[in-house]
All heavy atoms as atom14 arrays in JSON, in Angstrom:
{
  "sequence": "RVLPIGAMTQGLEGMTITEMAALKQAGCPAVSQANRPIHSTQV",
  "atom14_mask": [
    [1, 1, 1, 1, 1, 1, 1, 1, 1, 1, 1, 0, 0, 0],
    [1, 1, 1, 1, 1, 1, 1, 0, 0, 0, 0, 0, 0, 0],
    [1, 1, 1, 1, 1, 1, 1, 1, 0, 0, 0, 0, 0, 0],
    [1, 1, 1, 1, 1, 1, 1, 0, 0, 0, 0, 0, 0, 0],
    [1, 1, 1, 1, 1, 1, 1, 1, 0, 0, 0, 0, 0, 0],
    [1, 1, 1, 1, 0, 0, 0, 0, 0, 0, 0, 0, 0, 0],
    [1, 1, 1, 1, 1, 0, 0, 0, 0, 0, 0, 0, 0, 0],
    [1, 1, 1, 1, 1, 1, 1, 1, 0, 0, 0, 0, 0, 0],
    [1, 1, 1, 1, 1, 1, 1, 0, 0, 0, 0, 0, 0, 0],
    [1, 1, 1, 1, 1, 1, 1, 1, 1, 0, 0, 0, 0, 0],
    [1, 1, 1, 1, 0, 0, 0, 0, 0, 0, 0, 0, 0, 0],
    [1, 1, 1, 1, 1, 1, 1, 1, 0, 0, 0, 0, 0, 0],
    [1, 1, 1, 1, 1, 1, 1, 1, 1, 0, 0, 0, 0, 0],
    [1, 1, 1, 1, 0, 0, 0, 0, 0, 0, 0, 0, 0, 0],
    [1, 1, 1, 1, 1, 1, 1, 1, 0, 0, 0, 0, 0, 0],
    [1, 1, 1, 1, 1, 1, 1, 0, 0, 0, 0, 0, 0, 0],
    [1, 1, 1, 1, 1, 1, 1, 1, 0, 0, 0, 0, 0, 0],
    [1, 1, 1, 1, 1, 1, 1, 0, 0, 0, 0, 0, 0, 0],
    [1, 1, 1, 1, 1, 1, 1, 1, 1, 0, 0, 0, 0, 0],
    [1, 1, 1, 1, 1, 1, 1, 1, 0, 0, 0, 0, 0, 0],
    [1, 1, 1, 1, 1, 0, 0, 0, 0, 0, 0, 0, 0, 0],
    [1, 1, 1, 1, 1, 0, 0, 0, 0, 0, 0, 0, 0, 0],
    [1, 1, 1, 1, 1, 1, 1, 1, 0, 0, 0, 0, 0, 0],
    [1, 1, 1, 1, 1, 1, 1, 1, 1, 0, 0, 0, 0, 0],
    [1, 1, 1, 1, 1, 1, 1, 1, 1, 0, 0, 0, 0, 0],
    [1, 1, 1, 1, 1, 0, 0, 0, 0, 0, 0, 0, 0, 0],
    [1, 1, 1, 1, 0, 0, 0, 0, 0, 0, 0, 0, 0, 0],
    [1, 1, 1, 1, 1, 1, 0, 0, 0, 0, 0, 0, 0, 0],
    [1, 1, 1, 1, 1, 1, 1, 0, 0, 0, 0, 0, 0, 0],
    [1, 1, 1, 1, 1, 0, 0, 0, 0, 0, 0, 0, 0, 0],
    [1, 1, 1, 1, 1, 1, 1, 0, 0, 0, 0, 0, 0, 0],
    [1, 1, 1, 1, 1, 1, 0, 0, 0, 0, 0, 0, 0, 0],
    [1, 1, 1, 1, 1, 1, 1, 1, 1, 0, 0, 0, 0, 0],
    [1, 1, 1, 1, 1, 0, 0, 0, 0, 0, 0, 0, 0, 0],
    [1, 1, 1, 1, 1, 1, 1, 1, 0, 0, 0, 0, 0, 0],
    [1, 1, 1, 1, 1, 1, 1, 1, 1, 1, 1, 0, 0, 0],
    [1, 1, 1, 1, 1, 1, 1, 0, 0, 0, 0, 0, 0, 0],
    [1, 1, 1, 1, 1, 1, 1, 1, 0, 0, 0, 0, 0, 0],
    [1, 1, 1, 1, 1, 1, 1, 1, 1, 1, 0, 0, 0, 0],
    [1, 1, 1, 1, 1, 1, 0, 0, 0, 0, 0, 0, 0, 0],
    [1, 1, 1, 1, 1, 1, 1, 0, 0, 0, 0, 0, 0, 0],
    [1, 1, 1, 1, 1, 1, 1, 1, 1, 0, 0, 0, 0, 0],
    [1, 1, 1, 1, 1, 1, 1, 0, 0, 0, 0, 0, 0, 0]
  ],
  "atom14_positions": [
    [[-10.97, -15.04, -11.67], [-9.78, -14.32, -12.16], [-9.98, -12.83, -11.83], [-10.99, -12.24, -12.22], [-9.65, -14.53, -13.66], [-8.45, -13.91, -14.33], [-8.48, -14.14, -15.83], [-8.4, -15.55, -16.16], [-9.42, -16.29, -16.6], [-10.63, -15.73, -16.74], [-9.27, -17.57, -16.88], [0.0, 0.0, 0.0], [0.0, 0.0, 0.0], [0.0, 0.0, 0.0]],
    [[-9.04, -12.23, -11.14], [-9.12, -10.82, -10.8], [-8.04, -10.06, -11.57], [-6.85, -10.36, -11.44], [-8.96, -10.59, -9.29], [-9.02, -9.09, -8.98], [-10.06, -11.32, -8.52], [0.0, 0.0, 0.0], [0.0, 0.0, 0.0], [0.0, 0.0, 0.0], [0.0, 0.0, 0.0], [0.0, 0.0, 0.0], [0.0, 0.0, 0.0], [0.0, 0.0, 0.0]],
    [[-8.46, -9.11, -12.38], [-7.54, -8.3, -13.18], [-7.44, -6.92, -12.55], [-8.41, -6.17, -12.52], [-8.05, -8.18, -14.62], [-8.25, -9.49, -15.38], [-8.8, -9.2, -16.78], [-6.96, -10.29, -15.47], [0.0, 0.0, 0.0], [0.0, 0.0, 0.0], [0.0, 0.0, 0.0], [0.0, 0.0, 0.0], [0.0, 0.0, 0.0], [0.0, 0.0, 0.0]],
    [[-6.26, -6.56, -12.03], [-6.11, -5.21, -11.47], [-6.02, -4.17, -12.58], [-5.3, -4.35, -13.56], [-4.81, -5.31, -10.69], [-4.03, -6.39, -11.37], [-5.03, -7.35, -11.92], [0.0, 0.0, 0.0], [0.0, 0.0, 0.0], [0.0, 0.0, 0.0], [0.0, 0.0, 0.0], [0.0, 0.0, 0.0], [0.0, 0.0, 0.0], [0.0, 0.0, 0.0]],
    [[-6.76, -3.1, -12.44], [-6.65, -1.96, -13.36], [-5.63, -1.0, -12.76], [-5.75, -0.59, -11.61], [-8.0, -1.25, -13.54], [-9.06, -2.26, -14.04], [-7.87, -0.09, -14.52], [-8.75, -2.93, -15.35], [0.0, 0.0, 0.0], [0.0, 0.0, 0.0], [0.0, 0.0, 0.0], [0.0, 0.0, 0.0], [0.0, 0.0, 0.0], [0.0, 0.0, 0.0]],
    [[-4.6, -0.67, -13.53], [-3.53, 0.18, -13.02], [-3.94, 1.64, -12.93], [-4.81, 2.11, -13.65], [0.0, 0.0, 0.0], [0.0, 0.0, 0.0], [0.0, 0.0, 0.0], [0.0, 0.0, 0.0], [0.0, 0.0, 0.0], [0.0, 0.0, 0.0], [0.0, 0.0, 0.0], [0.0, 0.0, 0.0], [0.0, 0.0, 0.0], [0.0, 0.0, 0.0]],
    [[-3.31, 2.36, -12.02], [-3.58, 3.8, -11.87], [-2.9, 4.58, -12.99], [-1.79, 4.26, -13.41], [-3.07, 4.28, -10.52], [0.0, 0.0, 0.0], [0.0, 0.0, 0.0], [0.0, 0.0, 0.0], [0.0, 0.0, 0.0], [0.0, 0.0, 0.0], [0.0, 0.0, 0.0], [0.0, 0.0, 0.0], [0.0, 0.0, 0.0], [0.0, 0.0, 0.0]],
    [[-3.57, 5.61, -13.46], [-2.98, 6.49, -14.49], [-1.91, 7.39, -13.89], [-0.9, 7.69, -14.54], [-4.06, 7.34, -15.15], [-5.03, 6.57, -16.03], [-6.4, 7.61, -16.61], [-5.56, 8.75, -17.71], [0.0, 0.0, 0.0], [0.0, 0.0, 0.0], [0.0, 0.0, 0.0], [0.0, 0.0, 0.0], [0.0, 0.0, 0.0], [0.0, 0.0, 0.0]],
    [[-2.15, 7.84, -12.66], [-1.2, 8.73, -12.01], [-0.84, 8.18, -10.63], [-1.61, 7.44, -10.02], [-1.77, 10.16, -11.84], [-2.93, 10.12, -11.01], [-2.12, 10.76, -13.2], [0.0, 0.0, 0.0], [0.0, 0.0, 0.0], [0.0, 0.0, 0.0], [0.0, 0.0, 0.0], [0.0, 0.0, 0.0], [0.0, 0.0, 0.0], [0.0, 0.0, 0.0]],
    [[0.33, 8.53, -10.17], [0.81, 8.03, -8.89], [-0.1, 8.47, -7.75], [-0.43, 9.65, -7.61], [2.24, 8.52, -8.65], [3.25, 7.93, -9.63], [4.65, 8.46, -9.41], [4.96, 9.03, -8.37], [5.52, 8.27, -10.41], [0.0, 0.0, 0.0], [0.0, 0.0, 0.0], [0.0, 0.0, 0.0], [0.0, 0.0, 0.0], [0.0, 0.0, 0.0]],
    [[-0.52, 7.47, -6.96], [-1.41, 7.75, -5.85], [-2.77, 8.25, -6.26], [-3.53, 8.72, -5.42], [0.0, 0.0, 0.0], [0.0, 0.0, 0.0], [0.0, 0.0, 0.0], [0.0, 0.0, 0.0], [0.0, 0.0, 0.0], [0.0, 0.0, 0.0], [0.0, 0.0, 0.0], [0.0, 0.0, 0.0], [0.0, 0.0, 0.0], [0.0, 0.0, 0.0]],
    [[-3.1, 8.16, -7.55], [-4.35, 8.7, -8.1], [-4.48, 10.19, -7.81], [-5.58, 10.73, -7.75], [-5.57, 7.95, -7.56], [-5.69, 6.47, -7.95], [-6.88, 5.83, -7.24], [-5.83, 6.3, -9.45], [0.0, 0.0, 0.0], [0.0, 0.0, 0.0], [0.0, 0.0, 0.0], [0.0, 0.0, 0.0], [0.0, 0.0, 0.0], [0.0, 0.0, 0.0]],
    [[-3.34, 10.87, -7.68], [-3.37, 12.29, -7.32], [-3.48, 13.2, -8.54], [-3.6, 14.42, -8.39], [-2.12, 12.63, -6.51], [-2.1, 11.93, -5.15], [-0.83, 12.19, -4.38], [0.09, 12.85, -4.94], [-0.74, 11.75, -3.22], [0.0, 0.0, 0.0], [0.0, 0.0, 0.0], [0.0, 0.0, 0.0], [0.0, 0.0, 0.0], [0.0, 0.0, 0.0]],
    [[-3.42, 12.63, -9.75], [-3.64, 13.43, -10.95], [-2.48, 14.3, -11.36], [-2.67, 15.25, -12.13], [0.0, 0.0, 0.0], [0.0, 0.0, 0.0], [0.0, 0.0, 0.0], [0.0, 0.0, 0.0], [0.0, 0.0, 0.0], [0.0, 0.0, 0.0], [0.0, 0.0, 0.0], [0.0, 0.0, 0.0], [0.0, 0.0, 0.0], [0.0, 0.0, 0.0]],
    [[-1.29, 13.96, -10.91], [-0.15, 14.83, -11.2], [0.96, 14.12, -11.98], [1.35, 14.57, -13.05], [0.41, 15.39, -9.88], [-0.6, 16.26, -9.13], [-0.01, 16.76, -7.5], [1.4, 17.78, -7.95], [0.0, 0.0, 0.0], [0.0, 0.0, 0.0], [0.0, 0.0, 0.0], [0.0, 0.0, 0.0], [0.0, 0.0, 0.0], [0.0, 0.0, 0.0]],
    [[1.46, 13.0, -11.48], [2.6, 12.32, -12.09], [2.16, 10.99, -12.68], [1.56, 10.16, -11.98], [3.71, 12.07, -11.05], [4.05, 13.31, -10.43], [4.94, 11.48, -11.7], [0.0, 0.0, 0.0], [0.0, 0.0, 0.0], [0.0, 0.0, 0.0], [0.0, 0.0, 0.0], [0.0, 0.0, 0.0], [0.0, 0.0, 0.0], [0.0, 0.0, 0.0]],
    [[2.45, 10.78, -13.95], [2.02, 9.57, -14.65], [2.78, 8.35, -14.11], [3.97, 8.43, -13.79], [2.26, 9.73, -16.17], [1.4, 10.88, -16.72], [1.92, 8.43, -16.9], [1.75, 11.27, -18.13], [0.0, 0.0, 0.0], [0.0, 0.0, 0.0], [0.0, 0.0, 0.0], [0.0, 0.0, 0.0], [0.0, 0.0, 0.0], [0.0, 0.0, 0.0]],
    [[2.08, 7.24, -13.99], [2.69, 6.01, -13.49], [3.55, 5.34, -14.57], [3.51, 5.72, -15.74], [1.61, 5.01, -13.05], [0.7, 4.79, -14.15], [0.85, 5.51, -11.85], [0.0, 0.0, 0.0], [0.0, 0.0, 0.0], [0.0, 0.0, 0.0], [0.0, 0.0, 0.0], [0.0, 0.0, 0.0], [0.0, 0.0, 0.0], [0.0, 0.0, 0.0]],
    [[4.3, 4.32, -14.15], [5.09, 3.51, -15.09], [4.16, 2.47, -15.71], [4.07, 1.33, -15.26], [6.25, 2.84, -14.36], [7.31, 3.81, -13.87], [8.07, 4.46, -15.03], [8.07, 3.92, -16.14], [8.64, 5.54, -14.81], [0.0, 0.0, 0.0], [0.0, 0.0, 0.0], [0.0, 0.0, 0.0], [0.0, 0.0, 0.0], [0.0, 0.0, 0.0]],
    [[3.47, 2.89, -16.77], [2.42, 2.06, -17.34], [2.96, 0.78, -17.97], [2.3, -0.26, -17.95], [1.61, 2.86, -18.35], [0.83, 4.01, -17.72], [-0.17, 4.87, -18.95], [-0.75, 6.27, -17.97], [0.0, 0.0, 0.0], [0.0, 0.0, 0.0], [0.0, 0.0, 0.0], [0.0, 0.0, 0.0], [0.0, 0.0, 0.0], [0.0, 0.0, 0.0]],
    [[4.15, 0.83, -18.53], [4.73, -0.38, -19.12], [4.91, -1.45, -18.06], [4.62, -2.64, -18.28], [6.06, -0.05, -19.79], [0.0, 0.0, 0.0], [0.0, 0.0, 0.0], [0.0, 0.0, 0.0], [0.0, 0.0, 0.0], [0.0, 0.0, 0.0], [0.0, 0.0, 0.0], [0.0, 0.0, 0.0], [0.0, 0.0, 0.0], [0.0, 0.0, 0.0]],
    [[5.39, -1.05, -16.89], [5.59, -2.0, -15.8], [4.25, -2.53, -15.28], [4.12, -3.71, -14.93], [6.37, -1.34, -14.67], [0.0, 0.0, 0.0], [0.0, 0.0, 0.0], [0.0, 0.0, 0.0], [0.0, 0.0, 0.0], [0.0, 0.0, 0.0], [0.0, 0.0, 0.0], [0.0, 0.0, 0.0], [0.0, 0.0, 0.0], [0.0, 0.0, 0.0]],
    [[3.23, -1.67, -15.24], [1.91, -2.12, -14.81], [1.33, -3.13, -15.78], [0.73, -4.13, -15.37], [0.97, -0.91, -14.66], [1.25, 0.02, -13.47], [0.4, 1.28, -13.58], [1.0, -0.69, -12.14], [0.0, 0.0, 0.0], [0.0, 0.0, 0.0], [0.0, 0.0, 0.0], [0.0, 0.0, 0.0], [0.0, 0.0, 0.0], [0.0, 0.0, 0.0]],
    [[1.52, -2.89, -17.07], [1.02, -3.84, -18.06], [1.73, -5.18, -17.9], [1.1, -6.25, -17.95], [1.22, -3.29, -19.47], [0.69, -4.23, -20.55], [0.81, -3.65, -21.94], [0.24, -4.62, -22.98], [0.31, -4.08, -24.36], [0.0, 0.0, 0.0], [0.0, 0.0, 0.0], [0.0, 0.0, 0.0], [0.0, 0.0, 0.0], [0.0, 0.0, 0.0]],
    [[3.03, -5.14, -17.7], [3.79, -6.38, -17.54], [3.35, -7.13, -16.28], [3.41, -8.35, -16.23], [5.28, -6.06, -17.47], [6.17, -7.29, -17.58], [7.63, -6.91, -17.77], [7.99, -5.74, -17.71], [8.47, -7.91, -17.99], [0.0, 0.0, 0.0], [0.0, 0.0, 0.0], [0.0, 0.0, 0.0], [0.0, 0.0, 0.0], [0.0, 0.0, 0.0]],
    [[2.87, -6.39, -15.28], [2.4, -7.0, -14.04], [0.96, -7.52, -14.15], [0.41, -8.01, -13.16], [2.5, -6.01, -12.9], [0.0, 0.0, 0.0], [0.0, 0.0, 0.0], [0.0, 0.0, 0.0], [0.0, 0.0, 0.0], [0.0, 0.0, 0.0], [0.0, 0.0, 0.0], [0.0, 0.0, 0.0], [0.0, 0.0, 0.0], [0.0, 0.0, 0.0]],
    [[0.35, -7.39, -15.33], [-0.97, -7.98, -15.54], [-2.13, -7.01, -15.57], [-3.28, -7.43, -15.53], [0.0, 0.0, 0.0], [0.0, 0.0, 0.0], [0.0, 0.0, 0.0], [0.0, 0.0, 0.0], [0.0, 0.0, 0.0], [0.0, 0.0, 0.0], [0.0, 0.0, 0.0], [0.0, 0.0, 0.0], [0.0, 0.0, 0.0], [0.0, 0.0, 0.0]],
    [[-1.85, -5.71, -15.66], [-2.94, -4.73, -15.76], [-3.34, -4.54, -17.23], [-2.52, -4.1, -18.03], [-2.5, -3.38, -15.18], [-2.09, -3.41, -13.43], [0.0, 0.0, 0.0], [0.0, 0.0, 0.0], [0.0, 0.0, 0.0], [0.0, 0.0, 0.0], [0.0, 0.0, 0.0], [0.0, 0.0, 0.0], [0.0, 0.0, 0.0], [0.0, 0.0, 0.0]],
    [[-4.57, -4.86, -17.62], [-4.98, -4.72, -19.02], [-5.4, -3.31, -19.39], [-5.63, -3.02, -20.55], [-6.16, -5.68, -19.13], [-6.77, -5.64, -17.76], [-5.63, -5.46, -16.79], [0.0, 0.0, 0.0], [0.0, 0.0, 0.0], [0.0, 0.0, 0.0], [0.0, 0.0, 0.0], [0.0, 0.0, 0.0], [0.0, 0.0, 0.0], [0.0, 0.0, 0.0]],
    [[-5.54, -2.43, -18.39], [-6.0, -1.06, -18.63], [-5.53, -0.19, -17.48], [-5.06, -0.68, -16.45], [-7.53, -1.03, -18.74], [0.0, 0.0, 0.0], [0.0, 0.0, 0.0], [0.0, 0.0, 0.0], [0.0, 0.0, 0.0], [0.0, 0.0, 0.0], [0.0, 0.0, 0.0], [0.0, 0.0, 0.0], [0.0, 0.0, 0.0], [0.0, 0.0, 0.0]],
    [[-5.66, 1.12, -17.68], [-5.34, 2.08, -16.62], [-6.55, 2.98, -16.4], [-7.38, 3.16, -17.28], [-4.09, 2.92, -16.95], [-2.84, 2.05, -16.94], [-4.24, 3.65, -18.28], [0.0, 0.0, 0.0], [0.0, 0.0, 0.0], [0.0, 0.0, 0.0], [0.0, 0.0, 0.0], [0.0, 0.0, 0.0], [0.0, 0.0, 0.0], [0.0, 0.0, 0.0]],
    [[-6.6, 3.56, -15.2], [-7.79, 4.33, -14.82], [-7.44, 5.25, -13.66], [-6.43, 5.05, -12.98], [-8.91, 3.37, -14.42], [-9.98, 4.04, -13.8], [0.0, 0.0, 0.0], [0.0, 0.0, 0.0], [0.0, 0.0, 0.0], [0.0, 0.0, 0.0], [0.0, 0.0, 0.0], [0.0, 0.0, 0.0], [0.0, 0.0, 0.0], [0.0, 0.0, 0.0]],
    [[-8.29, 6.22, -13.44], [-8.22, 7.05, -12.23], [-9.32, 6.66, -11.24], [-9.52, 7.37, -10.25], [-8.37, 8.53, -12.59], [-7.11, 9.19, -13.09], [-6.05, 9.33, -12.02], [-5.03, 8.63, -12.03], [-6.27, 10.25, -11.07], [0.0, 0.0, 0.0], [0.0, 0.0, 0.0], [0.0, 0.0, 0.0], [0.0, 0.0, 0.0], [0.0, 0.0, 0.0]],
    [[-10.03, 5.56, -11.51], [-11.19, 5.19, -10.7], [-12.13, 6.4, -10.65], [-12.53, 6.9, -11.7], [-10.77, 4.7, -9.33], [0.0, 0.0, 0.0], [0.0, 0.0, 0.0], [0.0, 0.0, 0.0], [0.0, 0.0, 0.0], [0.0, 0.0, 0.0], [0.0, 0.0, 0.0], [0.0, 0.0, 0.0], [0.0, 0.0, 0.0], [0.0, 0.0, 0.0]],
    [[-12.46, 6.87, -9.46], [-13.34, 8.03, -9.34], [-12.58, 9.31, -9.02], [-13.2, 10.32, -8.66], [-14.39, 7.79, -8.24], [-15.38, 6.7, -8.63], [-15.36, 6.19, -9.73], [-16.25, 6.34, -7.7], [0.0, 0.0, 0.0], [0.0, 0.0, 0.0], [0.0, 0.0, 0.0], [0.0, 0.0, 0.0], [0.0, 0.0, 0.0], [0.0, 0.0, 0.0]],
    [[-11.28, 9.29, -9.15], [-10.46, 10.46, -8.83], [-10.17, 11.26, -10.1], [-9.83, 10.68, -11.13], [-9.14, 10.03, -8.18], [-9.28, 8.97, -7.11], [-9.58, 9.52, -5.76], [-9.64, 8.44, -4.76], [-8.6, 7.95, -4.12], [-7.39, 8.46, -4.37], [-8.74, 6.98, -3.25], [0.0, 0.0, 0.0], [0.0, 0.0, 0.0], [0.0, 0.0, 0.0]],
    [[-10.26, 12.57, -10.06], [-10.09, 13.36, -11.29], [-8.63, 13.67, -11.6], [-7.76, 13.63, -10.72], [-10.83, 14.65, -10.95], [-10.65, 14.8, -9.47], [-10.69, 13.4, -8.91], [0.0, 0.0, 0.0], [0.0, 0.0, 0.0], [0.0, 0.0, 0.0], [0.0, 0.0, 0.0], [0.0, 0.0, 0.0], [0.0, 0.0, 0.0], [0.0, 0.0, 0.0]],
    [[-8.36, 13.93, -12.87], [-7.13, 14.6, -13.3], [-7.57, 16.0, -13.73], [-8.2, 16.17, -14.77], [-6.44, 13.88, -14.46], [-5.98, 12.48, -14.02], [-5.24, 14.68, -14.97], [-5.31, 11.69, -15.14], [0.0, 0.0, 0.0], [0.0, 0.0, 0.0], [0.0, 0.0, 0.0], [0.0, 0.0, 0.0], [0.0, 0.0, 0.0], [0.0, 0.0, 0.0]],
    [[-7.29, 16.99, -12.92], [-7.76, 18.34, -13.22], [-7.03, 18.94, -14.42], [-7.6, 19.71, -15.19], [-7.6, 19.25, -12.0], [-8.6, 18.98, -10.92], [-9.91, 19.42, -10.98], [-8.5, 18.29, -9.75], [-10.56, 19.03, -9.91], [-9.73, 18.34, -9.14], [0.0, 0.0, 0.0], [0.0, 0.0, 0.0], [0.0, 0.0, 0.0], [0.0, 0.0, 0.0]],
    [[-5.76, 18.59, -14.58], [-4.96, 19.16, -15.67], [-5.24, 18.45, -16.98], [-5.02, 17.24, -17.11], [-3.48, 19.06, -15.33], [-2.68, 19.35, -16.47], [0.0, 0.0, 0.0], [0.0, 0.0, 0.0], [0.0, 0.0, 0.0], [0.0, 0.0, 0.0], [0.0, 0.0, 0.0], [0.0, 0.0, 0.0], [0.0, 0.0, 0.0], [0.0, 0.0, 0.0]],
    [[-5.72, 19.19, -17.96], [-5.95, 18.61, -19.29], [-4.64, 18.16, -19.92], [-4.59, 17.17, -20.65], [-6.65, 19.64, -20.2], [-7.86, 20.07, -19.57], [-7.0, 19.03, -21.55], [0.0, 0.0, 0.0], [0.0, 0.0, 0.0], [0.0, 0.0, 0.0], [0.0, 0.0, 0.0], [0.0, 0.0, 0.0], [0.0, 0.0, 0.0], [0.0, 0.0, 0.0]],
    [[-3.56, 18.87, -19.63], [-2.27, 18.48, -20.18], [-1.8, 17.14, -19.6], [-1.3, 16.27, -20.36], [-1.23, 19.57, -19.87], [0.13, 19.36, -20.54], [0.07, 19.51, -22.04], [-0.32, 18.59, -22.75], [0.44, 20.68, -22.54], [0.0, 0.0, 0.0], [0.0, 0.0, 0.0], [0.0, 0.0, 0.0], [0.0, 0.0, 0.0], [0.0, 0.0, 0.0]],
    [[-1.96, 16.94, -18.3], [-1.59, 15.65, -17.71], [-2.47, 14.55, -18.28], [-1.99, 13.44, -18.59], [-1.72, 15.71, -16.17], [-1.52, 14.32, -15.56], [-0.7, 16.68, -15.59], [0.0, 0.0, 0.0], [0.0, 0.0, 0.0], [0.0, 0.0, 0.0], [0.0, 0.0, 0.0], [0.0, 0.0, 0.0], [0.0, 0.0, 0.0], [0.0, 0.0, 0.0]]
  ]
}
């Protein structure tokens, strides 16, 4: 069983938040940036 972890931001670019509700509905149990940073504390 392979569970995809959804991206927190579009393209993992750390700027625009993804549609997390849709990712959850598509089978993502969590979200992550993998090894890519979000530089903005506000984002």
